[in-house]
């Protein structure tokens, strides 16, 4: 049976790939928010990977996950309000980026 083990190098590569996609993608705000959320999740996985070697309790991990969920809810509500006012989620037509 083939066994594949995830190391911290794999998680760092996932973060680098998502950062590259965030820089390249310039069309829709929804995909940028999803990529930013993936970056936050991969960064938290890297932090959890390092915390397991330090024997830090589960409370810190749960608190971090709650903050990630709150961040994603705020981003989604901002996207919904932008779509309702501008009727699209294109980054080039967004007046937020003009300032």
PDB file of N, CA and C in Angstrom:
ATOM      1  N   UNK A   1       0.840  -1.176   0.000  1.00  0.00           N
ATOM      2  CA  UNK A   1       0.000   0.000   0.000  1.00  0.00           C
ATOM      3  C   UNK A   1       0.886   1.240   0.000  1.00  0.00           C
ATOM      4  N   UNK A   2       0.503   2.194  -0.801  1.00  0.00           N
ATOM      5  CA  UNK A   2       1.266   3.424  -0.932  1.00  0.00           C
ATOM      6  C   UNK A   2       0.819   4.403   0.148  1.00  0.00           C
ATOM      7  N   UNK A   3       1.749   4.928   0.904  1.00  0.00           N
ATOM      8  CA  UNK A   3       1.439   5.854   1.988  1.00  0.00           C
ATOM      9  C   UNK A   3       2.098   7.189   1.686  1.00  0.00           C
ATOM     10  N   UNK A   4       1.293   8.237   1.725  1.00  0.00           N
ATOM     11  CA  UNK A   4       1.808   9.561   1.421  1.00  0.00           C
ATOM     12  C   UNK A   4       1.729  10.410   2.670  1.00  0.00           C
ATOM     13  N   UNK A   5       2.826  10.980   3.066  1.00  0.00           N
ATOM     14  CA  UNK A   5       2.868  11.755   4.292  1.00  0.00           C
ATOM     15  C   UNK A   5       3.066  13.228   3.949  1.00  0.00           C
ATOM     16  N   UNK A   6       2.231  14.065   4.544  1.00  0.00           N
ATOM     17  CA  UNK A   6       2.326  15.500   4.313  1.00  0.00           C
ATOM     18  C   UNK A   6       3.363  16.070   5.267  1.00  0.00           C
ATOM     19  N   UNK A   7       4.291  16.816   4.717  1.00  0.00           N
ATOM     20  CA  UNK A   7       5.307  17.461   5.536  1.00  0.00           C
ATOM     21  C   UNK A   7       5.085  18.963   5.511  1.00  0.00           C
ATOM     22  N   UNK A   8       5.860  19.667   6.302  1.00  0.00           N
ATOM     23  CA  UNK A   8       5.724  21.121   6.336  1.00  0.00           C
ATOM     24  C   UNK A   8       6.174  21.743   5.016  1.00  0.00           C
ATOM     25  N   UNK A   9       7.051  21.071   4.286  1.00  0.00           N
ATOM     26  CA  UNK A   9       7.469  21.580   2.975  1.00  0.00           C
ATOM     27  C   UNK A   9       6.303  21.591   1.991  1.00  0.00           C
ATOM     28  N   UNK A  10       5.443  20.575   2.066  1.00  0.00           N
ATOM     29  CA  UNK A  10       4.265  20.550   1.202  1.00  0.00           C
ATOM     30  C   UNK A  10       3.328  21.705   1.529  1.00  0.00           C
ATOM     31  N   UNK A  11       3.167  22.006   2.804  1.00  0.00           N
ATOM     32  CA  UNK A  11       2.285  23.096   3.202  1.00  0.00           C
ATOM     33  C   UNK A  11       2.848  24.445   2.775  1.00  0.00           C
ATOM     34  N   UNK A  12       4.147  24.595   2.849  1.00  0.00           N
ATOM     35  CA  UNK A  12       4.775  25.842   2.394  1.00  0.00           C
ATOM     36  C   UNK A  12       4.605  25.996   0.888  1.00  0.00           C
ATOM     37  N   UNK A  13       4.734  24.913   0.155  1.00  0.00           N
ATOM     38  CA  UNK A  13       4.522  24.968  -1.295  1.00  0.00           C
ATOM     39  C   UNK A  13       3.074  25.317  -1.631  1.00  0.00           C
ATOM     40  N   UNK A  14       2.115  24.804  -0.862  1.00  0.00           N
ATOM     41  CA  UNK A  14       0.713  25.181  -1.064  1.00  0.00           C
ATOM     42  C   UNK A  14       0.509  26.671  -0.843  1.00  0.00           C
ATOM     43  N   UNK A  15       1.154  27.216   0.186  1.00  0.00           N
ATOM     44  CA  UNK A  15       1.037  28.648   0.456  1.00  0.00           C
ATOM     45  C   UNK A  15       1.661  29.463  -0.672  1.00  0.00           C
ATOM     46  N   UNK A  16       2.818  29.044  -1.170  1.00  0.00           N
ATOM     47  CA  UNK A  16       3.468  29.756  -2.277  1.00  0.00           C
ATOM     48  C   UNK A  16       2.614  29.716  -3.540  1.00  0.00           C
ATOM     49  N   UNK A  17       2.020  28.560  -3.806  1.00  0.00           N
ATOM     50  CA  UNK A  17       1.165  28.426  -4.984  1.00  0.00           C
ATOM     51  C   UNK A  17      -0.066  29.319  -4.871  1.00  0.00           C
ATOM     52  N   UNK A  18      -0.678  29.369  -3.706  1.00  0.00           N
ATOM     53  CA  UNK A  18      -1.862  30.216  -3.546  1.00  0.00           C
ATOM     54  C   UNK A  18      -1.490  31.696  -3.603  1.00  0.00           C
ATOM     55  N   UNK A  19      -0.319  32.060  -3.108  1.00  0.00           N
ATOM     56  CA  UNK A  19       0.132  33.448  -3.215  1.00  0.00           C
ATOM     57  C   UNK A  19       0.368  33.830  -4.668  1.00  0.00           C
ATOM     58  N   UNK A  20       0.947  32.919  -5.444  1.00  0.00           N
ATOM     59  CA  UNK A  20       1.161  33.175  -6.866  1.00  0.00           C
ATOM     60  C   UNK A  20      -0.176  33.335  -7.594  1.00  0.00           C
ATOM     61  N   UNK A  21      -1.147  32.485  -7.267  1.00  0.00           N
ATOM     62  CA  UNK A  21      -2.466  32.587  -7.894  1.00  0.00           C
ATOM     63  C   UNK A  21      -3.173  33.881  -7.494  1.00  0.00           C
ATOM     64  N   UNK A  22      -2.971  34.334  -6.266  1.00  0.00           N
ATOM     65  CA  UNK A  22      -3.572  35.586  -5.814  1.00  0.00           C
ATOM     66  C   UNK A  22      -3.011  36.769  -6.591  1.00  0.00           C
ATOM     67  N   UNK A  23      -1.722  36.732  -6.888  1.00  0.00           N
ATOM     68  CA  UNK A  23      -1.092  37.820  -7.640  1.00  0.00           C
ATOM     69  C   UNK A  23      -1.516  37.778  -9.107  1.00  0.00           C
ATOM     70  N   UNK A  24      -1.637  36.592  -9.679  1.00  0.00           N
ATOM     71  CA  UNK A  24      -1.969  36.455 -11.100  1.00  0.00           C
ATOM     72  C   UNK A  24      -3.428  36.772 -11.390  1.00  0.00           C
ATOM     73  N   UNK A  25      -4.338  36.338 -10.520  1.00  0.00           N
ATOM     74  CA  UNK A  25      -5.768  36.477 -10.776  1.00  0.00           C
ATOM     75  C   UNK A  25      -6.200  37.932 -10.602  1.00  0.00           C
ATOM     76  N   UNK A  26      -6.747  38.507 -11.654  1.00  0.00           N
ATOM     77  CA  UNK A  26      -7.177  39.896 -11.601  1.00  0.00           C
ATOM     78  C   UNK A  26      -8.574  40.102 -12.179  1.00  0.00           C
ATOM     79  N   UNK A  27      -9.416  39.066 -12.163  1.00  0.00           N
ATOM     80  CA  UNK A  27     -10.732  39.223 -12.773  1.00  0.00           C
ATOM     81  C   UNK A  27     -11.852  39.303 -11.752  1.00  0.00           C
ATOM     82  N   UNK A  28     -12.097  38.247 -11.013  1.00  0.00           N
ATOM     83  CA  UNK A  28     -13.245  38.208 -10.115  1.00  0.00           C
ATOM     84  C   UNK A  28     -12.818  38.325  -8.658  1.00  0.00           C
ATOM     85  N   UNK A  29     -13.625  39.052  -7.901  1.00  0.00           N
ATOM     86  CA  UNK A  29     -13.343  39.235  -6.496  1.00  0.00           C
ATOM     87  C   UNK A  29     -13.608  37.958  -5.697  1.00  0.00           C
ATOM     88  N   UNK A  30     -14.579  37.168  -6.143  1.00  0.00           N
ATOM     89  CA  UNK A  30     -14.914  35.940  -5.418  1.00  0.00           C
ATOM     90  C   UNK A  30     -13.756  34.947  -5.445  1.00  0.00           C
ATOM     91  N   UNK A  31     -13.110  34.798  -6.582  1.00  0.00           N
ATOM     92  CA  UNK A  31     -11.975  33.876  -6.638  1.00  0.00           C
ATOM     93  C   UNK A  31     -10.801  34.397  -5.817  1.00  0.00           C
ATOM     94  N   UNK A  32     -10.614  35.712  -5.800  1.00  0.00           N
ATOM     95  CA  UNK A  32      -9.549  36.268  -4.967  1.00  0.00           C
ATOM     96  C   UNK A  32      -9.823  36.026  -3.489  1.00  0.00           C
ATOM     97  N   UNK A  33     -11.081  36.147  -3.076  1.00  0.00           N
ATOM     98  CA  UNK A  33     -11.411  35.866  -1.680  1.00  0.00           C
ATOM     99  C   UNK A  33     -11.209  34.392  -1.343  1.00  0.00           C
ATOM    100  N   UNK A  34     -11.548  33.519  -2.276  1.00  0.00           N
ATOM    101  CA  UNK A  34     -11.343  32.090  -2.031  1.00  0.00           C
ATOM    102  C   UNK A  34      -9.856  31.757  -1.944  1.00  0.00           C
ATOM    103  N   UNK A  35      -9.050  32.381  -2.787  1.00  0.00           N
ATOM    104  CA  UNK A  35      -7.609  32.141  -2.744  1.00  0.00           C
ATOM    105  C   UNK A  35      -7.019  32.699  -1.453  1.00  0.00           C
ATOM    106  N   UNK A  36      -7.494  33.873  -1.024  1.00  0.00           N
ATOM    107  CA  UNK A  36      -7.009  34.438   0.237  1.00  0.00           C
ATOM    108  C   UNK A  36      -7.399  33.556   1.418  1.00  0.00           C
ATOM    109  N   UNK A  37      -8.578  32.978   1.368  1.00  0.00           N
ATOM    110  CA  UNK A  37      -8.998  32.057   2.426  1.00  0.00           C
ATOM    111  C   UNK A  37      -8.136  30.792   2.416  1.00  0.00           C
ATOM    112  N   UNK A  38      -7.798  30.306   1.230  1.00  0.00           N
ATOM    113  CA  UNK A  38      -6.915  29.143   1.134  1.00  0.00           C
ATOM    114  C   UNK A  38      -5.533  29.471   1.687  1.00  0.00           C
ATOM    115  N   UNK A  39      -5.064  30.698   1.453  1.00  0.00           N
ATOM    116  CA  UNK A  39      -3.785  31.112   2.013  1.00  0.00           C
ATOM    117  C   UNK A  39      -3.842  31.138   3.534  1.00  0.00           C
ATOM    118  N   UNK A  40      -4.944  31.636   4.082  1.00  0.00           N
ATOM    119  CA  UNK A  40      -5.084  31.680   5.538  1.00  0.00           C
ATOM    120  C   UNK A  40      -5.143  30.278   6.130  1.00  0.00           C
ATOM    121  N   UNK A  41      -5.851  29.385   5.460  1.00  0.00           N
ATOM    122  CA  UNK A  41      -5.939  28.008   5.960  1.00  0.00           C
ATOM    123  C   UNK A  41      -4.585  27.314   5.880  1.00  0.00           C
ATOM    124  N   UNK A  42      -3.862  27.505   4.789  1.00  0.00           N
ATOM    125  CA  UNK A  42      -2.550  26.858   4.686  1.00  0.00           C
ATOM    126  C   UNK A  42      -1.559  27.456   5.685  1.00  0.00           C
ATOM    127  N   UNK A  43      -1.659  28.764   5.940  1.00  0.00           N
ATOM    128  CA  UNK A  43      -0.788  29.366   6.955  1.00  0.00           C
ATOM    129  C   UNK A  43      -1.125  28.841   8.345  1.00  0.00           C
ATOM    130  N   UNK A  44      -2.418  28.643   8.612  1.00  0.00           N
ATOM    131  CA  UNK A  44      -2.789  28.091   9.920  1.00  0.00           C
ATOM    132  C   UNK A  44      -2.368  26.630  10.041  1.00  0.00           C
ATOM    133  N   UNK A  45      -2.423  25.879   8.945  1.00  0.00           N
ATOM    134  CA  UNK A  45      -1.944  24.495   8.989  1.00  0.00           C
ATOM    135  C   UNK A  45      -0.444  24.431   9.265  1.00  0.00           C
ATOM    136  N   UNK A  46       0.302  25.364   8.691  1.00  0.00           N
ATOM    137  CA  UNK A  46       1.740  25.428   8.974  1.00  0.00           C
ATOM    138  C   UNK A  46       1.963  25.750  10.447  1.00  0.00           C
ATOM    139  N   UNK A  47       1.173  26.691  10.977  1.00  0.00           N
ATOM    140  CA  UNK A  47       1.307  27.039  12.393  1.00  0.00           C
ATOM    141  C   UNK A  47       0.925  25.866  13.289  1.00  0.00           C
ATOM    142  N   UNK A  48      -0.151  25.152  12.936  1.00  0.00           N
ATOM    143  CA  UNK A  48      -0.554  23.990  13.728  1.00  0.00           C
ATOM    144  C   UNK A  48       0.505  22.895  13.659  1.00  0.00           C
ATOM    145  N   UNK A  49       1.135  22.756  12.508  1.00  0.00           N
ATOM    146  CA  UNK A  49       2.187  21.759  12.347  1.00  0.00           C
ATOM    147  C   UNK A  49       3.342  22.067  13.298  1.00  0.00           C
ATOM    148  N   UNK A  50       3.671  23.349  13.407  1.00  0.00           N
ATOM    149  CA  UNK A  50       4.751  23.737  14.312  1.00  0.00           C
ATOM    150  C   UNK A  50       4.315  23.651  15.769  1.00  0.00           C
ATOM    151  N   UNK A  51       3.016  23.893  16.040  1.00  0.00           N
ATOM    152  CA  UNK A  51       2.522  23.836  17.418  1.00  0.00           C
ATOM    153  C   UNK A  51       2.504  22.420  17.970  1.00  0.00           C
ATOM    154  N   UNK A  52       2.335  21.442  17.111  1.00  0.00           N
ATOM    155  CA  UNK A  52       2.292  20.065  17.600  1.00  0.00           C
ATOM    156  C   UNK A  52       3.628  19.633  18.186  1.00  0.00           C
ATOM    157  N   UNK A  53       4.693  20.190  17.682  1.00  0.00           N
ATOM    158  CA  UNK A  53       5.997  19.856  18.254  1.00  0.00           C
ATOM    159  C   UNK A  53       6.222  20.561  19.588  1.00  0.00           C
ATOM    160  N   UNK A  54       5.471  21.640  19.834  1.00  0.00           N
ATOM    161  CA  UNK A  54       5.610  22.373  21.093  1.00  0.00           C
ATOM    162  C   UNK A  54       4.595  21.942  22.145  1.00  0.00           C
ATOM    163  N   UNK A  55       3.680  21.056  21.803  1.00  0.00           N
ATOM    164  CA  UNK A  55       2.633  20.545  22.700  1.00  0.00           C
ATOM    165  C   UNK A  55       1.718  21.656  23.218  1.00  0.00           C
ATOM    166  N   UNK A  56       1.368  22.582  22.355  1.00  0.00           N
ATOM    167  CA  UNK A  56       0.427  23.642  22.727  1.00  0.00           C
ATOM    168  C   UNK A  56      -0.977  23.068  22.683  1.00  0.00           C
ATOM    169  N   UNK A  57      -1.810  23.513  23.594  1.00  0.00           N
ATOM    170  CA  UNK A  57      -3.122  22.904  23.759  1.00  0.00           C
ATOM    171  C   UNK A  57      -4.043  23.174  22.580  1.00  0.00           C
ATOM    172  N   UNK A  58      -5.134  22.457  22.570  1.00  0.00           N
ATOM    173  CA  UNK A  58      -6.114  22.527  21.497  1.00  0.00           C
ATOM    174  C   UNK A  58      -6.855  23.861  21.492  1.00  0.00           C
ATOM    175  N   UNK A  59      -6.857  24.569  22.621  1.00  0.00           N
ATOM    176  CA  UNK A  59      -7.576  25.836  22.716  1.00  0.00           C
ATOM    177  C   UNK A  59      -7.054  26.853  21.708  1.00  0.00           C
ATOM    178  N   UNK A  60      -5.762  26.926  21.542  1.00  0.00           N
ATOM    179  CA  UNK A  60      -5.168  27.881  20.604  1.00  0.00           C
ATOM    180  C   UNK A  60      -5.586  27.549  19.177  1.00  0.00           C
ATOM    181  N   UNK A  61      -5.623  26.276  18.856  1.00  0.00           N
ATOM    182  CA  UNK A  61      -6.037  25.857  17.516  1.00  0.00           C
ATOM    183  C   UNK A  61      -7.498  26.192  17.268  1.00  0.00           C
ATOM    184  N   UNK A  62      -8.347  25.938  18.238  1.00  0.00           N
ATOM    185  CA  UNK A  62      -9.773  26.245  18.079  1.00  0.00           C
ATOM    186  C   UNK A  62     -10.004  27.754  17.975  1.00  0.00           C
ATOM    187  N   UNK A  63      -9.281  28.539  18.752  1.00  0.00           N
ATOM    188  CA  UNK A  63      -9.412  29.992  18.690  1.00  0.00           C
ATOM    189  C   UNK A  63      -8.986  30.514  17.321  1.00  0.00           C
ATOM    190  N   UNK A  64      -7.926  29.960  16.780  1.00  0.00           N
ATOM    191  CA  UNK A  64      -7.470  30.366  15.453  1.00  0.00           C
ATOM    192  C   UNK A  64      -8.487  29.999  14.387  1.00  0.00           C
ATOM    193  N   UNK A  65      -9.089  28.828  14.496  1.00  0.00           N
ATOM    194  CA  UNK A  65     -10.113  28.426  13.529  1.00  0.00           C
ATOM    195  C   UNK A  65     -11.337  29.331  13.611  1.00  0.00           C
ATOM    196  N   UNK A  66     -11.718  29.752  14.812  1.00  0.00           N
ATOM    197  CA  UNK A  66     -12.844  30.680  14.965  1.00  0.00           C
ATOM    198  C   UNK A  66     -12.521  32.013  14.295  1.00  0.00           C
ATOM    199  N   UNK A  67     -11.293  32.492  14.448  1.00  0.00           N
ATOM    200  CA  UNK A  67     -10.899  33.738  13.784  1.00  0.00           C
ATOM    201  C   UNK A  67     -10.911  33.594  12.266  1.00  0.00           C
ATOM    202  N   UNK A  68     -10.490  32.451  11.753  1.00  0.00           N
ATOM    203  CA  UNK A  68     -10.523  32.223  10.307  1.00  0.00           C
ATOM    204  C   UNK A  68     -11.955  32.201   9.787  1.00  0.00           C
ATOM    205  N   UNK A  69     -12.856  31.592  10.530  1.00  0.00           N
ATOM    206  CA  UNK A  69     -14.259  31.554  10.115  1.00  0.00           C
ATOM    207  C   UNK A  69     -14.860  32.949  10.137  1.00  0.00           C
ATOM    208  N   UNK A  70     -14.548  33.728  11.173  1.00  0.00           N
ATOM    209  CA  UNK A  70     -15.064  35.094  11.241  1.00  0.00           C
ATOM    210  C   UNK A  70     -14.525  35.944  10.092  1.00  0.00           C
ATOM    211  N   UNK A  71     -13.271  35.741   9.745  1.00  0.00           N
ATOM    212  CA  UNK A  71     -12.675  36.482   8.629  1.00  0.00           C
ATOM    213  C   UNK A  71     -13.349  36.133   7.315  1.00  0.00           C
ATOM    214  N   UNK A  72     -13.662  34.876   7.120  1.00  0.00           N
ATOM    215  CA  UNK A  72     -14.318  34.488   5.871  1.00  0.00           C
ATOM    216  C   UNK A  72     -15.751  35.004   5.807  1.00  0.00           C
ATOM    217  N   UNK A  73     -16.435  35.064   6.928  1.00  0.00           N
ATOM    218  CA  UNK A  73     -17.798  35.605   6.951  1.00  0.00           C
ATOM    219  C   UNK A  73     -17.784  37.092   6.633  1.00  0.00           C
ATOM    220  N   UNK A  74     -16.832  37.821   7.171  1.00  0.00           N
ATOM    221  CA  UNK A  74     -16.732  39.256   6.877  1.00  0.00           C
ATOM    222  C   UNK A  74     -16.416  39.475   5.400  1.00  0.00           C
ATOM    223  N   UNK A  75     -15.517  38.696   4.836  1.00  0.00           N
ATOM    224  CA  UNK A  75     -15.196  38.826   3.414  1.00  0.00           C
ATOM    225  C   UNK A  75     -16.377  38.510   2.522  1.00  0.00           C
ATOM    226  N   UNK A  76     -17.134  37.479   2.865  1.00  0.00           N
ATOM    227  CA  UNK A  76     -18.306  37.120   2.074  1.00  0.00           C
ATOM    228  C   UNK A  76     -19.393  38.182   2.177  1.00  0.00           C
ATOM    229  N   UNK A  77     -19.588  38.749   3.354  1.00  0.00           N
ATOM    230  CA  UNK A  77     -20.602  39.802   3.484  1.00  0.00           C
ATOM    231  C   UNK A  77     -20.190  41.067   2.732  1.00  0.00           C
ATOM    232  N   UNK A  78     -18.895  41.370   2.707  1.00  0.00           N
ATOM    233  CA  UNK A  78     -18.433  42.509   1.913  1.00  0.00           C
ATOM    234  C   UNK A  78     -18.646  42.254   0.431  1.00  0.00           C
ATOM    235  N   UNK A  79     -18.393  41.043  -0.018  1.00  0.00           N
ATOM    236  CA  UNK A  79     -18.604  40.698  -1.422  1.00  0.00           C
ATOM    237  C   UNK A  79     -20.077  40.795  -1.795  1.00  0.00           C
ATOM    238  N   UNK A  80     -20.955  40.330  -0.933  1.00  0.00           N
ATOM    239  CA  UNK A  80     -22.390  40.413  -1.213  1.00  0.00           C
ATOM    240  C   UNK A  80     -22.841  41.859  -1.291  1.00  0.00           C
ATOM    241  N   UNK A  81     -22.342  42.712  -0.404  1.00  0.00           N
ATOM    242  CA  UNK A  81     -22.734  44.121  -0.469  1.00  0.00           C
ATOM    243  C   UNK A  81     -22.183  44.800  -1.720  1.00  0.00           C
ATOM    244  N   UNK A  82     -20.992  44.430  -2.166  1.00  0.00           N
ATOM    245  CA  UNK A  82     -20.435  45.001  -3.398  1.00  0.00           C
ATOM    246  C   UNK A  82     -21.236  44.538  -4.608  1.00  0.00           C
ATOM    247  N   UNK A  83     -21.615  43.266  -4.638  1.00  0.00           N
ATOM    248  CA  UNK A  83     -22.397  42.754  -5.765  1.00  0.00           C
ATOM    249  C   UNK A  83     -23.771  43.403  -5.806  1.00  0.00           C
ATOM    250  N   UNK A  84     -24.364  43.660  -4.653  1.00  0.00           N
ATOM    251  CA  UNK A  84     -25.684  44.303  -4.634  1.00  0.00           C
ATOM    252  C   UNK A  84     -25.627  45.751  -5.097  1.00  0.00           C
ATOM    253  N   UNK A  85     -24.531  46.445  -4.807  1.00  0.00           N
ATOM    254  CA  UNK A  85     -24.447  47.845  -5.220  1.00  0.00           C
ATOM    255  C   UNK A  85     -23.936  48.000  -6.646  1.00  0.00           C
ATOM    256  N   UNK A  86     -23.026  47.129  -7.094  1.00  0.00           N
ATOM    257  CA  UNK A  86     -22.427  47.294  -8.419  1.00  0.00           C
ATOM    258  C   UNK A  86     -22.872  46.243  -9.425  1.00  0.00           C
ATOM    259  N   UNK A  87     -23.632  45.275  -9.027  1.00  0.00           N
ATOM    260  CA  UNK A  87     -24.209  44.195  -9.842  1.00  0.00           C
ATOM    261  C   UNK A  87     -23.173  43.272 -10.493  1.00  0.00           C
ATOM    262  N   UNK A  88     -21.918  43.348 -10.107  1.00  0.00           N
ATOM    263  CA  UNK A  88     -20.921  42.379 -10.580  1.00  0.00           C
ATOM    264  C   UNK A  88     -19.783  42.313  -9.575  1.00  0.00           C
ATOM    265  N   UNK A  89     -18.902  41.357  -9.771  1.00  0.00           N
ATOM    266  CA  UNK A  89     -17.756  41.231  -8.870  1.00  0.00           C
ATOM    267  C   UNK A  89     -16.429  41.320  -9.619  1.00  0.00           C
ATOM    268  N   UNK A  90     -16.433  42.030 -10.727  1.00  0.00           N
ATOM    269  CA  UNK A  90     -15.190  42.216 -11.471  1.00  0.00           C
ATOM    270  C   UNK A  90     -14.288  43.195 -10.730  1.00  0.00           C
ATOM    271  N   UNK A  91     -13.016  42.878 -10.650  1.00  0.00           N
ATOM    272  CA  UNK A  91     -12.090  43.743  -9.936  1.00  0.00           C
ATOM    273  C   UNK A  91     -11.819  45.037 -10.689  1.00  0.00           C
ATOM    274  N   UNK A  92     -11.831  44.990 -12.011  1.00  0.00           N
ATOM    275  CA  UNK A  92     -11.503  46.187 -12.785  1.00  0.00           C
ATOM    276  C   UNK A  92     -12.598  47.246 -12.717  1.00  0.00           C
ATOM    277  N   UNK A  93     -13.841  46.840 -12.487  1.00  0.00           N
ATOM    278  CA  UNK A  93     -14.929  47.809 -12.412  1.00  0.00           C
ATOM    279  C   UNK A  93     -15.226  48.236 -10.985  1.00  0.00           C
ATOM    280  N   UNK A  94     -14.461  47.757 -10.039  1.00  0.00           N
ATOM    281  CA  UNK A  94     -14.709  48.087  -8.640  1.00  0.00           C
ATOM    282  C   UNK A  94     -14.159  49.467  -8.324  1.00  0.00           C
ATOM    283  N   UNK A  95     -14.980  50.281  -7.682  1.00  0.00           N
ATOM    284  CA  UNK A  95     -14.534  51.624  -7.322  1.00  0.00           C
ATOM    285  C   UNK A  95     -13.660  51.605  -6.076  1.00  0.00           C
ATOM    286  N   UNK A  96     -13.600  50.486  -5.377  1.00  0.00           N
ATOM    287  CA  UNK A  96     -12.765  50.381  -4.188  1.00  0.00           C
ATOM    288  C   UNK A  96     -11.292  50.449  -4.564  1.00  0.00           C
ATOM    289  N   UNK A  97     -10.925  49.893  -5.710  1.00  0.00           N
ATOM    290  CA  UNK A  97      -9.529  49.853  -6.123  1.00  0.00           C
ATOM    291  C   UNK A  97      -9.045  51.161  -6.739  1.00  0.00           C
ATOM    292  N   UNK A  98      -9.932  52.106  -6.981  1.00  0.00           N
ATOM    293  CA  UNK A  98      -9.531  53.365  -7.608  1.00  0.00           C
ATOM    294  C   UNK A  98      -8.922  54.343  -6.613  1.00  0.00           C
ATOM    295  N   UNK A  99      -9.059  54.090  -5.331  1.00  0.00           N
ATOM    296  CA  UNK A  99      -8.532  55.016  -4.325  1.00  0.00           C
ATOM    297  C   UNK A  99      -7.105  54.725  -4.002  1.00  0.00           C
TER     298      UNK A  99
END
